[in-house]
């Protein structure tokens, strides 16, 4: 299914089932070897807690989420916002955490991408270099598993010929094929060559209400960042009525760049390599009572 859909949007695409590579190795350096074992997705909070105006009291903990999704000790990947209570500012969180279990403390391999106060560029830092908690704020889309080795879906796609970004292409392909049945996936992929359009939220929350996508885009800071970028996508083919964010991808690198992935900007030369696992369960945590479709891109 995925290969067929990717070939409509990329010059070359190959999808196969392989053994998950050891994700503790370069370029991932994750605190778990794989993305297998009881795979599940959690959509926590939501964009309505960020815009039109922020609700700073919305703070969560990845260790608590792991218990809520009935997988204490889960290895969690995904995309979210930092806890402004901890950092004192707003920023992008790239969660990569082996949550605490009865026997072991949490291992936080997350990154934070923020606007550098010095030069207004991107500042990417390891979360654990400054903080000891596993908090996040406002919203997150998370893929969780036992972090075990096992069989995964390997996706290779080179040379983008269509309009869709890599993640949207995967999601829309699933939606087209499975229709009413929601299919969720998570994992990691690397933009091995090329450049990508990435945003980083500004450190100050907007004092003026952000009521349209145009308002949001004017508020966000956009950058072109270079490969290799290690990305953590969470995808649900369609929303079965839970006010989900159906796709959300954050990325980090080892050269100081990272944030929220939008699209590659070098379609001819771009190369993607990803490892995915279909999720068995979907959890919706602290769904906003008042909602809107703005800022979901």
C-alpha atoms as a PDB file:
ATOM      1  CA  UNK A   1       0.000   0.000   0.000  1.00  0.00           C
ATOM      2  CA  UNK A   2       2.698   2.494   1.021  1.00  0.00           C
ATOM      3  CA  UNK A   3       5.004   1.764  -1.893  1.00  0.00           C
ATOM      4  CA  UNK A   4       2.227   2.356  -4.417  1.00  0.00           C
ATOM      5  CA  UNK A   5       1.308   5.683  -2.827  1.00  0.00           C
ATOM      6  CA  UNK A   6       4.897   6.865  -2.466  1.00  0.00           C
ATOM      7  CA  UNK A   7       5.637   6.179  -6.125  1.00  0.00           C
ATOM      8  CA  UNK A   8       2.975   8.735  -7.071  1.00  0.00           C
ATOM      9  CA  UNK A   9       4.920  11.403  -5.161  1.00  0.00           C
ATOM     10  CA  UNK A  10       8.565  10.305  -5.395  1.00  0.00           C
ATOM     11  CA  UNK A  11      10.793   9.291  -8.296  1.00  0.00           C
ATOM     12  CA  UNK A  12      11.933   6.189  -6.431  1.00  0.00           C
ATOM     13  CA  UNK A  13      10.284   4.425  -3.491  1.00  0.00           C
ATOM     14  CA  UNK A  14      10.854   1.057  -1.859  1.00  0.00           C
ATOM     15  CA  UNK A  15       8.979  -0.356   1.117  1.00  0.00           C
ATOM     16  CA  UNK A  16       9.890  -3.636   2.811  1.00  0.00           C
ATOM     17  CA  UNK A  17       9.662  -5.453   6.127  1.00  0.00           C
ATOM     18  CA  UNK A  18      13.061  -5.654   7.841  1.00  0.00           C
ATOM     19  CA  UNK A  19      14.593  -6.141  11.269  1.00  0.00           C
ATOM     20  CA  UNK A  20      14.636  -2.835  13.119  1.00  0.00           C
ATOM     21  CA  UNK A  21      18.166  -1.416  13.149  1.00  0.00           C
ATOM     22  CA  UNK A  22      19.760  -0.846  16.550  1.00  0.00           C
ATOM     23  CA  UNK A  23      18.464   2.638  17.354  1.00  0.00           C
ATOM     24  CA  UNK A  24      21.001   3.122  20.142  1.00  0.00           C
ATOM     25  CA  UNK A  25      23.558   3.579  17.337  1.00  0.00           C
ATOM     26  CA  UNK A  26      24.283   6.573  15.081  1.00  0.00           C
ATOM     27  CA  UNK A  27      22.569   8.649  13.839  1.00  0.00           C
ATOM     28  CA  UNK A  28      19.700   7.969  16.270  1.00  0.00           C
ATOM     29  CA  UNK A  29      21.434   7.419  19.633  1.00  0.00           C
ATOM     30  CA  UNK A  30      18.052   6.596  21.193  1.00  0.00           C
ATOM     31  CA  UNK A  31      17.749   5.172  24.738  1.00  0.00           C
ATOM     32  CA  UNK A  32      16.051   2.028  23.337  1.00  0.00           C
ATOM     33  CA  UNK A  33      17.086  -0.486  20.680  1.00  0.00           C
ATOM     34  CA  UNK A  34      13.835  -0.555  18.691  1.00  0.00           C
ATOM     35  CA  UNK A  35      10.240   0.597  18.218  1.00  0.00           C
ATOM     36  CA  UNK A  36       8.518  -2.772  18.668  1.00  0.00           C
ATOM     37  CA  UNK A  37       6.386  -4.296  21.412  1.00  0.00           C
ATOM     38  CA  UNK A  38       2.812  -3.178  22.209  1.00  0.00           C
ATOM     39  CA  UNK A  39       2.894  -0.203  19.809  1.00  0.00           C
ATOM     40  CA  UNK A  40       0.400   2.574  20.576  1.00  0.00           C
ATOM     41  CA  UNK A  41      -0.286   6.218  19.847  1.00  0.00           C
ATOM     42  CA  UNK A  42      -1.297   8.988  22.255  1.00  0.00           C
ATOM     43  CA  UNK A  43      -2.676  12.396  21.298  1.00  0.00           C
ATOM     44  CA  UNK A  44      -2.311  14.579  24.402  1.00  0.00           C
ATOM     45  CA  UNK A  45      -3.886  18.018  24.841  1.00  0.00           C
ATOM     46  CA  UNK A  46      -4.066  19.905  21.578  1.00  0.00           C
ATOM     47  CA  UNK A  47      -3.489  23.032  19.530  1.00  0.00           C
ATOM     48  CA  UNK A  48      -6.517  24.768  21.180  1.00  0.00           C
ATOM     49  CA  UNK A  49      -4.424  24.949  24.379  1.00  0.00           C
ATOM     50  CA  UNK A  50      -1.812  26.990  22.464  1.00  0.00           C
ATOM     51  CA  UNK A  51      -3.986  29.164  20.233  1.00  0.00           C
ATOM     52  CA  UNK A  52      -5.815  31.501  19.925  1.00  0.00           C
ATOM     53  CA  UNK A  53      -4.374  32.200  23.407  1.00  0.00           C
ATOM     54  CA  UNK A  54      -2.144  29.975  25.512  1.00  0.00           C
ATOM     55  CA  UNK A  55      -3.358  27.977  28.529  1.00  0.00           C
ATOM     56  CA  UNK A  56      -0.076  27.675  30.421  1.00  0.00           C
ATOM     57  CA  UNK A  57      -1.572  25.509  33.145  1.00  0.00           C
ATOM     58  CA  UNK A  58      -1.728  22.603  30.681  1.00  0.00           C
ATOM     59  CA  UNK A  59       1.320  20.606  31.797  1.00  0.00           C
ATOM     60  CA  UNK A  60       1.850  16.858  31.430  1.00  0.00           C
ATOM     61  CA  UNK A  61       4.483  14.235  32.236  1.00  0.00           C
ATOM     62  CA  UNK A  62       5.688  11.485  29.921  1.00  0.00           C
ATOM     63  CA  UNK A  63       6.015   9.032  32.818  1.00  0.00           C
ATOM     64  CA  UNK A  64       2.351   9.633  33.659  1.00  0.00           C
ATOM     65  CA  UNK A  65       1.357   9.301  30.001  1.00  0.00           C
ATOM     66  CA  UNK A  66       3.126   5.917  29.887  1.00  0.00           C
ATOM     67  CA  UNK A  67       0.922   4.732  32.767  1.00  0.00           C
ATOM     68  CA  UNK A  68      -2.197   6.282  31.193  1.00  0.00           C
ATOM     69  CA  UNK A  69      -1.606   4.296  28.001  1.00  0.00           C
ATOM     70  CA  UNK A  70      -1.088   1.147  30.100  1.00  0.00           C
ATOM     71  CA  UNK A  71       2.594   0.797  29.230  1.00  0.00           C
ATOM     72  CA  UNK A  72       4.754   1.946  32.153  1.00  0.00           C
ATOM     73  CA  UNK A  73       8.402   1.998  31.076  1.00  0.00           C
ATOM     74  CA  UNK A  74       7.360   2.746  27.479  1.00  0.00           C
ATOM     75  CA  UNK A  75       9.822   4.113  24.952  1.00  0.00           C
ATOM     76  CA  UNK A  76       8.194   7.280  23.587  1.00  0.00           C
ATOM     77  CA  UNK A  77       8.932   9.226  20.392  1.00  0.00           C
ATOM     78  CA  UNK A  78       7.061  12.103  18.813  1.00  0.00           C
ATOM     79  CA  UNK A  79       6.363  15.813  18.651  1.00  0.00           C
ATOM     80  CA  UNK A  80       5.211  18.264  21.289  1.00  0.00           C
ATOM     81  CA  UNK A  81       5.737  21.534  23.117  1.00  0.00           C
ATOM     82  CA  UNK A  82       7.954  22.089  26.149  1.00  0.00           C
ATOM     83  CA  UNK A  83       6.608  22.824  29.595  1.00  0.00           C
ATOM     84  CA  UNK A  84       6.930  26.601  29.918  1.00  0.00           C
ATOM     85  CA  UNK A  85       6.678  26.040  33.671  1.00  0.00           C
ATOM     86  CA  UNK A  86      10.071  24.310  33.536  1.00  0.00           C
ATOM     87  CA  UNK A  87      11.831  26.269  30.768  1.00  0.00           C
ATOM     88  CA  UNK A  88      10.256  29.681  31.374  1.00  0.00           C
ATOM     89  CA  UNK A  89       9.734  30.035  27.606  1.00  0.00           C
ATOM     90  CA  UNK A  90       7.889  28.426  24.704  1.00  0.00           C
ATOM     91  CA  UNK A  91       9.812  25.987  22.470  1.00  0.00           C
ATOM     92  CA  UNK A  92       9.570  22.830  20.369  1.00  0.00           C
ATOM     93  CA  UNK A  93      10.046  19.520  22.164  1.00  0.00           C
ATOM     94  CA  UNK A  94      11.415  16.504  20.345  1.00  0.00           C
ATOM     95  CA  UNK A  95      10.499  13.778  22.880  1.00  0.00           C
ATOM     96  CA  UNK A  96      12.742  10.692  22.946  1.00  0.00           C
ATOM     97  CA  UNK A  97      12.230   9.092  26.359  1.00  0.00           C
ATOM     98  CA  UNK A  98      12.468   5.659  27.925  1.00  0.00           C
ATOM     99  CA  UNK A  99       9.974   6.280  30.716  1.00  0.00           C
ATOM    100  CA  UNK A 100      10.513   5.090  34.253  1.00  0.00           C
ATOM    101  CA  UNK A 101       9.504   1.588  35.318  1.00  0.00           C
ATOM    102  CA  UNK A 102       9.415  -0.074  38.741  1.00  0.00           C
ATOM    103  CA  UNK A 103      13.032  -1.104  38.348  1.00  0.00           C
ATOM    104  CA  UNK A 104      14.596   1.712  36.324  1.00  0.00           C
ATOM    105  CA  UNK A 105      14.522   5.525  36.296  1.00  0.00           C
ATOM    106  CA  UNK A 106      13.555   7.393  33.120  1.00  0.00           C
ATOM    107  CA  UNK A 107      16.187   8.010  30.448  1.00  0.00           C
ATOM    108  CA  UNK A 108      15.450  11.309  28.718  1.00  0.00           C
ATOM    109  CA  UNK A 109      17.071  11.606  25.294  1.00  0.00           C
ATOM    110  CA  UNK A 110      14.797  14.457  24.179  1.00  0.00           C
ATOM    111  CA  UNK A 111      15.857  17.648  22.410  1.00  0.00           C
ATOM    112  CA  UNK A 112      14.565  21.206  22.635  1.00  0.00           C
ATOM    113  CA  UNK A 113      14.548  23.541  19.627  1.00  0.00           C
ATOM    114  CA  UNK A 114      14.131  27.199  20.535  1.00  0.00           C
ATOM    115  CA  UNK A 115      14.867  30.601  19.082  1.00  0.00           C
ATOM    116  CA  UNK A 116      18.400  31.630  20.049  1.00  0.00           C
ATOM    117  CA  UNK A 117      18.117  34.957  21.913  1.00  0.00           C
ATOM    118  CA  UNK A 118      21.585  35.938  20.624  1.00  0.00           C
ATOM    119  CA  UNK A 119      21.080  35.707  16.860  1.00  0.00           C
ATOM    120  CA  UNK A 120      17.385  34.718  16.407  1.00  0.00           C
ATOM    121  CA  UNK A 121      18.507  31.475  14.766  1.00  0.00           C
ATOM    122  CA  UNK A 122      17.672  27.951  15.937  1.00  0.00           C
ATOM    123  CA  UNK A 123      19.180  26.731  19.184  1.00  0.00           C
ATOM    124  CA  UNK A 124      18.973  22.955  19.596  1.00  0.00           C
ATOM    125  CA  UNK A 125      19.898  21.459  22.955  1.00  0.00           C
ATOM    126  CA  UNK A 126      19.726  18.094  24.671  1.00  0.00           C
ATOM    127  CA  UNK A 127      16.938  18.325  27.261  1.00  0.00           C
ATOM    128  CA  UNK A 128      18.966  16.465  29.892  1.00  0.00           C
ATOM    129  CA  UNK A 129      21.797  19.008  29.647  1.00  0.00           C
ATOM    130  CA  UNK A 130      19.672  21.404  31.737  1.00  0.00           C
ATOM    131  CA  UNK A 131      16.626  19.599  33.109  1.00  0.00           C
ATOM    132  CA  UNK A 132      15.930  16.370  35.014  1.00  0.00           C
ATOM    133  CA  UNK A 133      12.152  15.972  34.518  1.00  0.00           C
ATOM    134  CA  UNK A 134       9.993  14.469  31.751  1.00  0.00           C
ATOM    135  CA  UNK A 135       7.424  17.267  31.556  1.00  0.00           C
ATOM    136  CA  UNK A 136       5.852  18.770  28.462  1.00  0.00           C
ATOM    137  CA  UNK A 137       3.123  21.323  27.876  1.00  0.00           C
ATOM    138  CA  UNK A 138      -0.017  22.075  25.866  1.00  0.00           C
ATOM    139  CA  UNK A 139       0.110  19.314  23.257  1.00  0.00           C
ATOM    140  CA  UNK A 140       1.967  16.250  22.049  1.00  0.00           C
ATOM    141  CA  UNK A 141       1.576  13.475  19.527  1.00  0.00           C
ATOM    142  CA  UNK A 142       3.360  10.415  20.792  1.00  0.00           C
ATOM    143  CA  UNK A 143       4.257   6.953  19.526  1.00  0.00           C
ATOM    144  CA  UNK A 144       4.982   4.495  22.336  1.00  0.00           C
ATOM    145  CA  UNK A 145       6.271   0.936  22.416  1.00  0.00           C
ATOM    146  CA  UNK A 146       8.309  -1.372  24.631  1.00  0.00           C
ATOM    147  CA  UNK A 147      11.385  -0.215  22.704  1.00  0.00           C
ATOM    148  CA  UNK A 148      12.196  -3.746  21.587  1.00  0.00           C
ATOM    149  CA  UNK A 149      13.919  -4.991  18.419  1.00  0.00           C
ATOM    150  CA  UNK A 150      11.651  -6.702  15.887  1.00  0.00           C
ATOM    151  CA  UNK A 151      10.203  -6.451  12.406  1.00  0.00           C
ATOM    152  CA  UNK A 152       9.450  -2.948  11.120  1.00  0.00           C
ATOM    153  CA  UNK A 153       8.385  -1.295   7.879  1.00  0.00           C
ATOM    154  CA  UNK A 154      11.414   0.195   6.142  1.00  0.00           C
ATOM    155  CA  UNK A 155      10.580   3.042   3.778  1.00  0.00           C
ATOM    156  CA  UNK A 156      13.007   4.535   1.257  1.00  0.00           C
ATOM    157  CA  UNK A 157      11.947   7.457  -0.925  1.00  0.00           C
ATOM    158  CA  UNK A 158      14.172   9.596  -3.143  1.00  0.00           C
ATOM    159  CA  UNK A 159      13.493  12.543  -5.443  1.00  0.00           C
ATOM    160  CA  UNK A 160      10.161  14.172  -4.694  1.00  0.00           C
ATOM    161  CA  UNK A 161       8.051  14.674  -7.817  1.00  0.00           C
ATOM    162  CA  UNK A 162       4.712  15.605  -6.164  1.00  0.00           C
ATOM    163  CA  UNK A 163       3.460  18.324  -3.830  1.00  0.00           C
ATOM    164  CA  UNK A 164       3.012  16.227  -0.694  1.00  0.00           C
ATOM    165  CA  UNK A 165       5.653  16.028   2.007  1.00  0.00           C
ATOM    166  CA  UNK A 166       6.908  12.572   3.018  1.00  0.00           C
ATOM    167  CA  UNK A 167       4.627  12.232   6.060  1.00  0.00           C
ATOM    168  CA  UNK A 168       1.497  13.565   4.333  1.00  0.00           C
ATOM    169  CA  UNK A 169       2.123  11.181   1.451  1.00  0.00           C
ATOM    170  CA  UNK A 170       2.267   8.211   3.828  1.00  0.00           C
ATOM    171  CA  UNK A 171      -0.846   9.342   5.713  1.00  0.00           C
ATOM    172  CA  UNK A 172      -2.959  10.150   2.668  1.00  0.00           C
ATOM    173  CA  UNK A 173      -1.946   6.860   1.054  1.00  0.00           C
ATOM    174  CA  UNK A 174      -3.223   5.007   4.125  1.00  0.00           C
ATOM    175  CA  UNK A 175      -6.417   7.065   4.215  1.00  0.00           C
ATOM    176  CA  UNK A 176      -7.102   6.427   0.536  1.00  0.00           C
ATOM    177  CA  UNK A 177      -6.634   2.679   0.942  1.00  0.00           C
ATOM    178  CA  UNK A 178      -8.257   2.040   4.334  1.00  0.00           C
ATOM    179  CA  UNK A 179     -11.028   4.643   4.125  1.00  0.00           C
ATOM    180  CA  UNK A 180     -13.187   4.741   7.246  1.00  0.00           C
ATOM    181  CA  UNK A 181     -10.797   2.478   9.175  1.00  0.00           C
ATOM    182  CA  UNK A 182      -8.191   4.599  10.990  1.00  0.00           C
ATOM    183  CA  UNK A 183      -4.624   3.297  10.692  1.00  0.00           C
ATOM    184  CA  UNK A 184      -1.920   4.766  12.922  1.00  0.00           C
ATOM    185  CA  UNK A 185       1.850   4.599  12.557  1.00  0.00           C
ATOM    186  CA  UNK A 186       4.900   5.932  14.289  1.00  0.00           C
ATOM    187  CA  UNK A 187       8.651   5.555  14.315  1.00  0.00           C
ATOM    188  CA  UNK A 188      11.571   7.504  12.940  1.00  0.00           C
ATOM    189  CA  UNK A 189      12.961   8.595   9.596  1.00  0.00           C
ATOM    190  CA  UNK A 190      16.097  10.352   8.457  1.00  0.00           C
ATOM    191  CA  UNK A 191      16.297  13.022   5.795  1.00  0.00           C
ATOM    192  CA  UNK A 192      19.668  11.760   4.560  1.00  0.00           C
ATOM    193  CA  UNK A 193      20.263  14.333   1.829  1.00  0.00           C
ATOM    194  CA  UNK A 194      18.842  17.722   0.965  1.00  0.00           C
ATOM    195  CA  UNK A 195      17.239  20.514   2.971  1.00  0.00           C
ATOM    196  CA  UNK A 196      13.901  21.013   4.704  1.00  0.00           C
ATOM    197  CA  UNK A 197      11.507  23.759   5.793  1.00  0.00           C
ATOM    198  CA  UNK A 198      11.271  23.645   9.587  1.00  0.00           C
ATOM    199  CA  UNK A 199       9.535  25.935  12.064  1.00  0.00           C
ATOM    200  CA  UNK A 200      10.410  26.831  15.641  1.00  0.00           C
ATOM    201  CA  UNK A 201       7.886  28.543  17.897  1.00  0.00           C
ATOM    202  CA  UNK A 202       8.994  31.890  19.355  1.00  0.00           C
ATOM    203  CA  UNK A 203       9.911  32.025  23.062  1.00  0.00           C
ATOM    204  CA  UNK A 204       7.015  34.346  23.928  1.00  0.00           C
ATOM    205  CA  UNK A 205       3.438  33.166  23.557  1.00  0.00           C
ATOM    206  CA  UNK A 206       1.339  35.476  21.407  1.00  0.00           C
ATOM    207  CA  UNK A 207      -0.389  38.232  23.395  1.00  0.00           C
ATOM    208  CA  UNK A 208      -2.792  38.800  20.486  1.00  0.00           C
ATOM    209  CA  UNK A 209      -5.208  35.975  19.665  1.00  0.00           C
ATOM    210  CA  UNK A 210      -4.040  33.836  16.737  1.00  0.00           C
ATOM    211  CA  UNK A 211      -7.321  33.215  14.924  1.00  0.00           C
ATOM    212  CA  UNK A 212      -6.225  32.045  11.463  1.00  0.00           C
ATOM    213  CA  UNK A 213      -3.522  29.881   9.903  1.00  0.00           C
ATOM    214  CA  UNK A 214      -2.074  33.101   8.485  1.00  0.00           C
ATOM    215  CA  UNK A 215      -1.826  34.552  12.014  1.00  0.00           C
ATOM    216  CA  UNK A 216      -0.067  31.390  13.166  1.00  0.00           C
ATOM    217  CA  UNK A 217       2.402  31.359  10.255  1.00  0.00           C
ATOM    218  CA  UNK A 218       3.269  35.019  10.845  1.00  0.00           C
ATOM    219  CA  UNK A 219       3.972  34.182  14.491  1.00  0.00           C
ATOM    220  CA  UNK A 220       6.096  31.090  13.831  1.00  0.00           C
ATOM    221  CA  UNK A 221       9.747  31.340  12.792  1.00  0.00           C
ATOM    222  CA  UNK A 222      10.624  29.380   9.645  1.00  0.00           C
ATOM    223  CA  UNK A 223      14.059  28.095   8.661  1.00  0.00           C
ATOM    224  CA  UNK A 224      15.664  26.024   5.945  1.00  0.00           C
ATOM    225  CA  UNK A 225      17.684  23.301   7.663  1.00  0.00           C
ATOM    226  CA  UNK A 226      20.122  20.848   6.186  1.00  0.00           C
ATOM    227  CA  UNK A 227      20.365  17.054   6.279  1.00  0.00           C
ATOM    228  CA  UNK A 228      20.888  14.781   8.054  1.00  0.00           C
ATOM    229  CA  UNK A 229      17.727  15.414  10.107  1.00  0.00           C
ATOM    230  CA  UNK A 230      16.345  12.659  12.361  1.00  0.00           C
ATOM    231  CA  UNK A 231      12.549  12.927  12.429  1.00  0.00           C
ATOM    232  CA  UNK A 232       9.911  11.423  14.719  1.00  0.00           C
ATOM    233  CA  UNK A 233       6.492  11.233  13.005  1.00  0.00           C
ATOM    234  CA  UNK A 234       3.113  10.279  14.452  1.00  0.00           C
ATOM    235  CA  UNK A 235       0.497   9.523  11.789  1.00  0.00           C
ATOM    236  CA  UNK A 236      -3.193   8.594  11.920  1.00  0.00           C
ATOM    237  CA  UNK A 237      -4.814   8.032   8.530  1.00  0.00           C
ATOM    238  CA  UNK A 238      -8.065   9.709   9.566  1.00  0.00           C
ATOM    239  CA  UNK A 239      -9.663  11.143  12.698  1.00  0.00           C
ATOM    240  CA  UNK A 240     -12.387   8.785  13.959  1.00  0.00           C
ATOM    241  CA  UNK A 241     -13.979  11.677  15.881  1.00  0.00           C
ATOM    242  CA  UNK A 242     -11.472  12.376  18.679  1.00  0.00           C
ATOM    243  CA  UNK A 243     -10.262  15.794  17.452  1.00  0.00           C
ATOM    244  CA  UNK A 244      -6.850  14.343  16.583  1.00  0.00           C
ATOM    245  CA  UNK A 245      -3.877  15.980  14.985  1.00  0.00           C
ATOM    246  CA  UNK A 246      -3.537  13.401  12.230  1.00  0.00           C
ATOM    247  CA  UNK A 247       0.125  14.057  11.473  1.00  0.00           C
ATOM    248  CA  UNK A 248       2.866  15.740  13.474  1.00  0.00           C
ATOM    249  CA  UNK A 249       6.625  15.407  13.022  1.00  0.00           C
ATOM    250  CA  UNK A 250       9.534  16.950  14.925  1.00  0.00           C
ATOM    251  CA  UNK A 251      13.202  16.481  14.097  1.00  0.00           C
ATOM    252  CA  UNK A 252      16.670  16.966  15.557  1.00  0.00           C
ATOM    253  CA  UNK A 253      20.196  16.762  14.192  1.00  0.00           C
ATOM    254  CA  UNK A 254      23.787  16.477  15.378  1.00  0.00           C
ATOM    255  CA  UNK A 255      24.670  19.843  13.812  1.00  0.00           C
ATOM    256  CA  UNK A 256      22.453  22.083  15.956  1.00  0.00           C
ATOM    257  CA  UNK A 257      19.274  22.275  13.885  1.00  0.00           C
ATOM    258  CA  UNK A 258      15.798  20.937  14.600  1.00  0.00           C
ATOM    259  CA  UNK A 259      12.110  21.702  15.046  1.00  0.00           C
ATOM    260  CA  UNK A 260       8.768  20.999  13.344  1.00  0.00           C
ATOM    261  CA  UNK A 261       9.049  19.384   9.897  1.00  0.00           C
ATOM    262  CA  UNK A 262       6.955  20.843   7.054  1.00  0.00           C
ATOM    263  CA  UNK A 263       8.526  19.789   3.752  1.00  0.00           C
ATOM    264  CA  UNK A 264      11.822  19.175   2.029  1.00  0.00           C
ATOM    265  CA  UNK A 265      12.974  22.186  -0.011  1.00  0.00           C
ATOM    266  CA  UNK A 266      15.298  20.231  -2.311  1.00  0.00           C
ATOM    267  CA  UNK A 267      12.916  17.829  -4.073  1.00  0.00           C
ATOM    268  CA  UNK A 268      15.429  16.663  -6.703  1.00  0.00           C
ATOM    269  CA  UNK A 269      18.121  15.587  -4.269  1.00  0.00           C
ATOM    270  CA  UNK A 270      16.119  14.620  -1.167  1.00  0.00           C
ATOM    271  CA  UNK A 271      16.544  11.130   0.290  1.00  0.00           C
ATOM    272  CA  UNK A 272      14.343   9.673   3.020  1.00  0.00           C
ATOM    273  CA  UNK A 273      14.961   6.487   5.011  1.00  0.00           C
ATOM    274  CA  UNK A 274      12.389   5.530   7.638  1.00  0.00           C
ATOM    275  CA  UNK A 275      11.382   2.771  10.049  1.00  0.00           C
ATOM    276  CA  UNK A 276       7.730   2.545  11.050  1.00  0.00           C
ATOM    277  CA  UNK A 277       5.408   0.358  13.059  1.00  0.00           C
ATOM    278  CA  UNK A 278       1.596   0.298  12.837  1.00  0.00           C
ATOM    279  CA  UNK A 279       0.007   1.047  16.213  1.00  0.00           C
ATOM    280  CA  UNK A 280      -2.508  -1.265  17.878  1.00  0.00           C
ATOM    281  CA  UNK A 281      -4.151   1.275  20.169  1.00  0.00           C
ATOM    282  CA  UNK A 282      -5.004   4.970  20.180  1.00  0.00           C
ATOM    283  CA  UNK A 283      -5.323   6.987  23.386  1.00  0.00           C
ATOM    284  CA  UNK A 284      -6.842  10.480  23.531  1.00  0.00           C
ATOM    285  CA  UNK A 285      -5.723  12.305  26.666  1.00  0.00           C
ATOM    286  CA  UNK A 286      -7.143  15.635  27.927  1.00  0.00           C
ATOM    287  CA  UNK A 287      -9.034  16.432  24.730  1.00  0.00           C
ATOM    288  CA  UNK A 288      -9.854  20.165  24.505  1.00  0.00           C
ATOM    289  CA  UNK A 289     -13.533  20.895  25.128  1.00  0.00           C
ATOM    290  CA  UNK A 290     -13.446  23.938  22.875  1.00  0.00           C
ATOM    291  CA  UNK A 291     -11.746  23.277  19.572  1.00  0.00           C
ATOM    292  CA  UNK A 292     -10.952  24.695  16.127  1.00  0.00           C
ATOM    293  CA  UNK A 293      -9.043  23.565  13.007  1.00  0.00           C
ATOM    294  CA  UNK A 294      -6.418  26.365  13.049  1.00  0.00           C
ATOM    295  CA  UNK A 295      -2.688  25.633  13.341  1.00  0.00           C
ATOM    296  CA  UNK A 296      -2.822  21.909  12.633  1.00  0.00           C
ATOM    297  CA  UNK A 297      -0.312  21.923   9.759  1.00  0.00           C
END
